Amino acid sequence: MSEVAGYEAARTASGRPVSLVELIDQLLADGVVIEGQLVLAVADIDLVQLDLGVLLAAVTEAPAR
């Protein structure tokens, strides 16, 4: 993979480039949690505070008996 617009391709620990499909496949296989916090404030007064959390994981179907 080449560098595009200042972004470098993701690489494994061995230095091999990783495609986007491989990266997403690995993340879904293991699962990933994304957390964040958003605060809307005016004049240093917090008006809205949102705590966000997302769990991404693949679901496999159980084999039929």
Protein backbone atom coordinates (compact mmCIF):
# COMPACT_ATOMS: atom_id res chain seq x y z
CA MET A 1 0.00 0.00 0.00
CA SER A 2 1.21 3.46 -0.68
CA GLU A 3 0.93 6.67 1.27
CA VAL A 4 -2.14 8.72 0.34
CA ALA A 5 -2.64 12.35 1.35
CA GLY A 6 -0.27 12.12 4.32
CA TYR A 7 -1.66 8.85 5.71
CA GLU A 8 0.54 5.78 6.02
CA ALA A 9 -0.78 2.26 5.46
CA ALA A 10 -1.46 0.15 8.56
CA ARG A 11 1.19 -2.49 9.14
CA THR A 12 1.55 -5.64 11.22
CA ALA A 13 4.28 -6.05 13.84
CA SER A 14 6.43 -7.70 11.15
CA GLY A 15 6.02 -4.65 8.90
CA ARG A 16 3.66 -6.27 6.38
CA PRO A 17 0.96 -3.88 5.06
CA VAL A 18 -2.60 -4.72 6.17
CA SER A 19 -5.62 -4.15 3.96
CA LEU A 20 -8.77 -2.53 5.33
CA VAL A 21 -10.68 -5.81 4.92
CA GLU A 22 -8.06 -7.70 6.97
CA LEU A 23 -8.15 -5.03 9.66
CA ILE A 24 -11.96 -5.08 9.94
CA ASP A 25 -11.99 -8.89 9.92
CA GLN A 26 -9.52 -9.02 12.81
CA LEU A 27 -11.40 -6.37 14.81
CA LEU A 28 -14.72 -8.18 14.40
CA ALA A 29 -13.18 -11.57 15.22
CA ASP A 30 -11.83 -10.30 18.56
CA GLY A 31 -14.37 -7.54 19.16
CA VAL A 32 -13.62 -3.91 19.85
CA VAL A 33 -15.06 -1.35 22.28
CA ILE A 34 -15.15 2.32 21.33
CA GLU A 35 -15.86 4.82 24.09
CA GLY A 36 -16.07 8.57 24.05
CA GLN A 37 -17.40 11.59 25.85
CA LEU A 38 -18.98 14.69 24.39
CA VAL A 39 -19.57 17.85 26.42
CA LEU A 40 -21.41 20.88 25.06
CA ALA A 41 -20.51 23.97 27.07
CA VAL A 42 -21.14 27.70 26.79
CA ALA A 43 -19.07 30.16 28.83
CA ASP A 44 -17.50 27.27 30.79
CA ILE A 45 -20.93 26.00 31.84
CA ASP A 46 -21.62 22.39 30.84
CA LEU A 47 -25.04 22.22 29.20
CA VAL A 48 -25.00 18.68 27.79
CA GLN A 49 -22.77 15.74 28.63
CA LEU A 50 -22.94 12.47 26.65
CA ASP A 51 -21.03 9.31 27.53
CA LEU A 52 -20.92 7.06 24.50
CA GLY A 53 -20.00 3.40 24.21
CA VAL A 54 -20.12 1.03 21.24
CA LEU A 55 -19.28 -2.68 21.11
CA LEU A 56 -18.49 -4.14 17.69
CA ALA A 57 -18.19 -7.90 17.36
CA ALA A 58 -19.05 -10.59 14.87
CA VAL A 59 -21.86 -13.00 15.70
CA THR A 60 -21.67 -16.56 14.47
CA GLU A 61 -24.68 -18.77 14.09
CA ALA A 62 -24.82 -21.85 16.30
CA PRO A 63 -24.78 -25.10 14.33
CA ALA A 64 -28.16 -26.77 13.84
CA ARG A 65 -28.72 -29.96 15.82
